[in-house]
Amino acid sequence: MEFIDHELVPDYEFAEILYEERTVFDNAGAAVDGLHAVWITLNNPVQLYS
């Protein structure tokens, strides 16, 4: 399978957008292999983080 690159500006460093991958756990509390949740935070205190 070939993936398509959707980057509009290659090699751009996002300073105010925080990207974090977190582990997903099953009902027994064990980490699920190959599955994660992504949290995206806008770090913009001038506009109250909006």
PDB file of N, CA and C in Angstrom:
ATOM      1  N   MET A   1       0.839  -1.171   0.000  1.00  0.00           N
ATOM      2  CA  MET A   1       0.000   0.000   0.000  1.00  0.00           C
ATOM      3  C   MET A   1       0.887   1.238   0.000  1.00  0.00           C
ATOM      4  N   GLU A   2       0.543   2.201  -0.806  1.00  0.00           N
ATOM      5  CA  GLU A   2       1.304   3.445  -0.879  1.00  0.00           C
ATOM      6  C   GLU A   2       0.504   4.561  -0.206  1.00  0.00           C
ATOM      7  N   PHE A   3       1.147   5.270   0.703  1.00  0.00           N
ATOM      8  CA  PHE A   3       0.492   6.367   1.400  1.00  0.00           C
ATOM      9  C   PHE A   3       0.705   7.674   0.650  1.00  0.00           C
ATOM     10  N   ILE A   4      -0.265   8.564   0.744  1.00  0.00           N
ATOM     11  CA  ILE A   4      -0.198   9.871   0.102  1.00  0.00           C
ATOM     12  C   ILE A   4       0.234  10.896   1.147  1.00  0.00           C
ATOM     13  N   ASP A   5       1.197  11.732   0.823  1.00  0.00           N
ATOM     14  CA  ASP A   5       1.685  12.777   1.719  1.00  0.00           C
ATOM     15  C   ASP A   5       0.792  14.005   1.583  1.00  0.00           C
ATOM     16  N   HIS A   6       0.179  14.439   2.686  1.00  0.00           N
ATOM     17  CA  HIS A   6      -0.721  15.591   2.660  1.00  0.00           C
ATOM     18  C   HIS A   6      -0.101  16.842   3.287  1.00  0.00           C
ATOM     19  N   GLU A   7       1.210  16.861   3.456  1.00  0.00           N
ATOM     20  CA  GLU A   7       1.858  18.034   4.024  1.00  0.00           C
ATOM     21  C   GLU A   7       1.800  19.189   3.040  1.00  0.00           C
ATOM     22  N   LEU A   8       1.253  20.331   3.491  1.00  0.00           N
ATOM     23  CA  LEU A   8       1.163  21.504   2.623  1.00  0.00           C
ATOM     24  C   LEU A   8       2.490  22.250   2.566  1.00  0.00           C
ATOM     25  N   VAL A   9       3.194  22.292   3.704  1.00  0.00           N
ATOM     26  CA  VAL A   9       4.491  22.963   3.772  1.00  0.00           C
ATOM     27  C   VAL A   9       5.480  21.969   4.372  1.00  0.00           C
ATOM     28  N   PRO A  10       6.305  21.345   3.545  1.00  0.00           N
ATOM     29  CA  PRO A  10       7.250  20.344   4.059  1.00  0.00           C
ATOM     30  C   PRO A  10       8.241  20.937   5.059  1.00  0.00           C
ATOM     31  N   ASP A  11       8.590  20.163   6.057  1.00  0.00           N
ATOM     32  CA  ASP A  11       9.598  20.520   7.074  1.00  0.00           C
ATOM     33  C   ASP A  11       9.248  21.771   7.873  1.00  0.00           C
ATOM     34  N   TYR A  12       7.954  22.056   8.048  1.00  0.00           N
ATOM     35  CA  TYR A  12       7.534  23.201   8.863  1.00  0.00           C
ATOM     36  C   TYR A  12       7.497  22.778  10.322  1.00  0.00           C
ATOM     37  N   GLU A  13       8.055  23.574  11.205  1.00  0.00           N
ATOM     38  CA  GLU A  13       8.099  23.281  12.633  1.00  0.00           C
ATOM     39  C   GLU A  13       6.924  23.974  13.332  1.00  0.00           C
ATOM     40  N   PHE A  14       5.987  23.181  13.842  1.00  0.00           N
ATOM     41  CA  PHE A  14       4.831  23.733  14.547  1.00  0.00           C
ATOM     42  C   PHE A  14       5.212  23.980  15.997  1.00  0.00           C
ATOM     43  N   ALA A  15       5.333  25.235  16.389  1.00  0.00           N
ATOM     44  CA  ALA A  15       5.769  25.584  17.736  1.00  0.00           C
ATOM     45  C   ALA A  15       4.601  25.668  18.715  1.00  0.00           C
ATOM     46  N   GLU A  16       3.438  26.021  18.266  1.00  0.00           N
ATOM     47  CA  GLU A  16       2.310  26.245  19.169  1.00  0.00           C
ATOM     48  C   GLU A  16       1.215  25.191  19.052  1.00  0.00           C
ATOM     49  N   ILE A  17       1.476  24.112  18.315  1.00  0.00           N
ATOM     50  CA  ILE A  17       0.540  23.003  18.231  1.00  0.00           C
ATOM     51  C   ILE A  17       1.243  21.794  18.840  1.00  0.00           C
ATOM     52  N   LEU A  18       0.708  21.318  19.958  1.00  0.00           N
ATOM     53  CA  LEU A  18       1.318  20.198  20.659  1.00  0.00           C
ATOM     54  C   LEU A  18       0.623  18.909  20.236  1.00  0.00           C
ATOM     55  N   TYR A  19       1.400  17.887  19.911  1.00  0.00           N
ATOM     56  CA  TYR A  19       0.909  16.600  19.425  1.00  0.00           C
ATOM     57  C   TYR A  19       1.440  15.524  20.352  1.00  0.00           C
ATOM     58  N   GLU A  20       0.529  14.738  20.922  1.00  0.00           N
ATOM     59  CA  GLU A  20       0.946  13.710  21.878  1.00  0.00           C
ATOM     60  C   GLU A  20       0.192  12.415  21.600  1.00  0.00           C
ATOM     61  N   GLU A  21       0.908  11.308  21.539  1.00  0.00           N
ATOM     62  CA  GLU A  21       0.293   9.991  21.378  1.00  0.00           C
ATOM     63  C   GLU A  21       0.221   9.320  22.745  1.00  0.00           C
ATOM     64  N   ARG A  22      -0.965   8.814  23.092  1.00  0.00           N
ATOM     65  CA  ARG A  22      -1.149   8.147  24.380  1.00  0.00           C
ATOM     66  C   ARG A  22      -1.604   6.717  24.162  1.00  0.00           C
ATOM     67  N   THR A  23      -1.152   5.846  25.033  1.00  0.00           N
ATOM     68  CA  THR A  23      -1.481   4.429  24.950  1.00  0.00           C
ATOM     69  C   THR A  23      -2.964   4.215  25.243  1.00  0.00           C
ATOM     70  N   VAL A  24      -3.578   3.284  24.522  1.00  0.00           N
ATOM     71  CA  VAL A  24      -4.968   2.895  24.766  1.00  0.00           C
ATOM     72  C   VAL A  24      -4.955   1.581  25.539  1.00  0.00           C
ATOM     73  N   PHE A  25      -5.778   1.498  26.586  1.00  0.00           N
ATOM     74  CA  PHE A  25      -5.842   0.322  27.433  1.00  0.00           C
ATOM     75  C   PHE A  25      -7.177  -0.400  27.236  1.00  0.00           C
ATOM     76  N   ASP A  26      -7.162  -1.734  27.369  1.00  0.00           N
ATOM     77  CA  ASP A  26      -8.403  -2.502  27.274  1.00  0.00           C
ATOM     78  C   ASP A  26      -9.094  -2.528  28.644  1.00  0.00           C
ATOM     79  N   ASN A  27     -10.225  -3.243  28.749  1.00  0.00           N
ATOM     80  CA  ASN A  27     -10.993  -3.273  29.990  1.00  0.00           C
ATOM     81  C   ASN A  27     -10.221  -3.883  31.154  1.00  0.00           C
ATOM     82  N   ALA A  28      -9.258  -4.729  30.858  1.00  0.00           N
ATOM     83  CA  ALA A  28      -8.450  -5.358  31.905  1.00  0.00           C
ATOM     84  C   ALA A  28      -7.278  -4.470  32.330  1.00  0.00           C
ATOM     85  N   GLY A  29      -7.077  -3.362  31.650  1.00  0.00           N
ATOM     86  CA  GLY A  29      -5.997  -2.443  31.998  1.00  0.00           C
ATOM     87  C   GLY A  29      -4.697  -2.696  31.267  1.00  0.00           C
ATOM     88  N   ALA A  30      -4.701  -3.602  30.310  1.00  0.00           N
ATOM     89  CA  ALA A  30      -3.494  -3.903  29.537  1.00  0.00           C
ATOM     90  C   ALA A  30      -3.429  -2.998  28.301  1.00  0.00           C
ATOM     91  N   ALA A  31      -2.224  -2.596  27.937  1.00  0.00           N
ATOM     92  CA  ALA A  31      -2.038  -1.759  26.748  1.00  0.00           C
ATOM     93  C   ALA A  31      -2.389  -2.561  25.498  1.00  0.00           C
ATOM     94  N   VAL A  32      -3.069  -1.913  24.554  1.00  0.00           N
ATOM     95  CA  VAL A  32      -3.449  -2.546  23.293  1.00  0.00           C
ATOM     96  C   VAL A  32      -2.347  -2.277  22.279  1.00  0.00           C
ATOM     97  N   ASP A  33      -1.728  -3.352  21.760  1.00  0.00           N
ATOM     98  CA  ASP A  33      -0.642  -3.206  20.790  1.00  0.00           C
ATOM     99  C   ASP A  33      -1.135  -2.569  19.497  1.00  0.00           C
ATOM    100  N   GLY A  34      -0.396  -1.595  19.003  1.00  0.00           N
ATOM    101  CA  GLY A  34      -0.698  -0.976  17.719  1.00  0.00           C
ATOM    102  C   GLY A  34      -1.832   0.038  17.749  1.00  0.00           C
ATOM    103  N   LEU A  35      -2.363   0.351  18.934  1.00  0.00           N
ATOM    104  CA  LEU A  35      -3.471   1.307  19.033  1.00  0.00           C
ATOM    105  C   LEU A  35      -3.086   2.412  20.007  1.00  0.00           C
ATOM    106  N   HIS A  36      -3.328   3.652  19.613  1.00  0.00           N
ATOM    107  CA  HIS A  36      -3.041   4.789  20.478  1.00  0.00           C
ATOM    108  C   HIS A  36      -4.042   5.902  20.204  1.00  0.00           C
ATOM    109  N   ALA A  37      -4.196   6.776  21.181  1.00  0.00           N
ATOM    110  CA  ALA A  37      -5.032   7.966  21.038  1.00  0.00           C
ATOM    111  C   ALA A  37      -4.105   9.150  20.790  1.00  0.00           C
ATOM    112  N   VAL A  38      -4.558  10.105  20.003  1.00  0.00           N
ATOM    113  CA  VAL A  38      -3.770  11.299  19.702  1.00  0.00           C
ATOM    114  C   VAL A  38      -4.449  12.502  20.338  1.00  0.00           C
ATOM    115  N   TRP A  39      -3.700  13.259  21.116  1.00  0.00           N
ATOM    116  CA  TRP A  39      -4.180  14.486  21.736  1.00  0.00           C
ATOM    117  C   TRP A  39      -3.487  15.657  21.046  1.00  0.00           C
ATOM    118  N   ILE A  40      -4.273  16.591  20.543  1.00  0.00           N
ATOM    119  CA  ILE A  40      -3.737  17.793  19.888  1.00  0.00           C
ATOM    120  C   ILE A  40      -4.156  18.992  20.730  1.00  0.00           C
ATOM    121  N   THR A  41      -3.175  19.777  21.155  1.00  0.00           N
ATOM    122  CA  THR A  41      -3.432  20.940  21.995  1.00  0.00           C
ATOM    123  C   THR A  41      -2.964  22.192  21.275  1.00  0.00           C
ATOM    124  N   LEU A  42      -3.830  23.208  21.231  1.00  0.00           N
ATOM    125  CA  LEU A  42      -3.459  24.504  20.668  1.00  0.00           C
ATOM    126  C   LEU A  42      -2.886  25.349  21.796  1.00  0.00           C
ATOM    127  N   ASN A  43      -1.607  25.672  21.721  1.00  0.00           N
ATOM    128  CA  ASN A  43      -0.911  26.414  22.759  1.00  0.00           C
ATOM    129  C   ASN A  43      -0.850  27.880  22.347  1.00  0.00           C
ATOM    130  N   ASN A  44      -1.932  28.621  22.626  1.00  0.00           N
ATOM    131  CA  ASN A  44      -2.040  30.012  22.205  1.00  0.00           C
ATOM    132  C   ASN A  44      -2.572  30.849  23.379  1.00  0.00           C
ATOM    133  N   PRO A  45      -1.724  31.212  24.334  1.00  0.00           N
ATOM    134  CA  PRO A  45      -2.201  31.939  25.518  1.00  0.00           C
ATOM    135  C   PRO A  45      -2.737  33.339  25.210  1.00  0.00           C
ATOM    136  N   VAL A  46      -2.300  33.937  24.125  1.00  0.00           N
ATOM    137  CA  VAL A  46      -2.766  35.282  23.775  1.00  0.00           C
ATOM    138  C   VAL A  46      -4.274  35.271  23.500  1.00  0.00           C
ATOM    139  N   GLN A  47      -4.765  34.201  22.896  1.00  0.00           N
ATOM    140  CA  GLN A  47      -6.194  34.079  22.593  1.00  0.00           C
ATOM    141  C   GLN A  47      -6.843  33.016  23.479  1.00  0.00           C
ATOM    142  N   LEU A  48      -6.363  32.905  24.717  1.00  0.00           N
ATOM    143  CA  LEU A  48      -6.898  31.983  25.706  1.00  0.00           C
ATOM    144  C   LEU A  48      -6.935  30.551  25.213  1.00  0.00           C
ATOM    145  N   TYR A  49      -5.871  30.129  24.547  1.00  0.00           N
ATOM    146  CA  TYR A  49      -5.670  28.767  24.075  1.00  0.00           C
ATOM    147  C   TYR A  49      -6.738  28.294  23.085  1.00  0.00           C
ATOM    148  N   SER A  50      -7.246  29.218  22.290  1.00  0.00           N
ATOM    149  CA  SER A  50      -8.256  28.841  21.301  1.00  0.00           C
ATOM    150  C   SER A  50      -7.693  28.917  19.904  1.00  0.00           C
TER     151      SER A  50
END
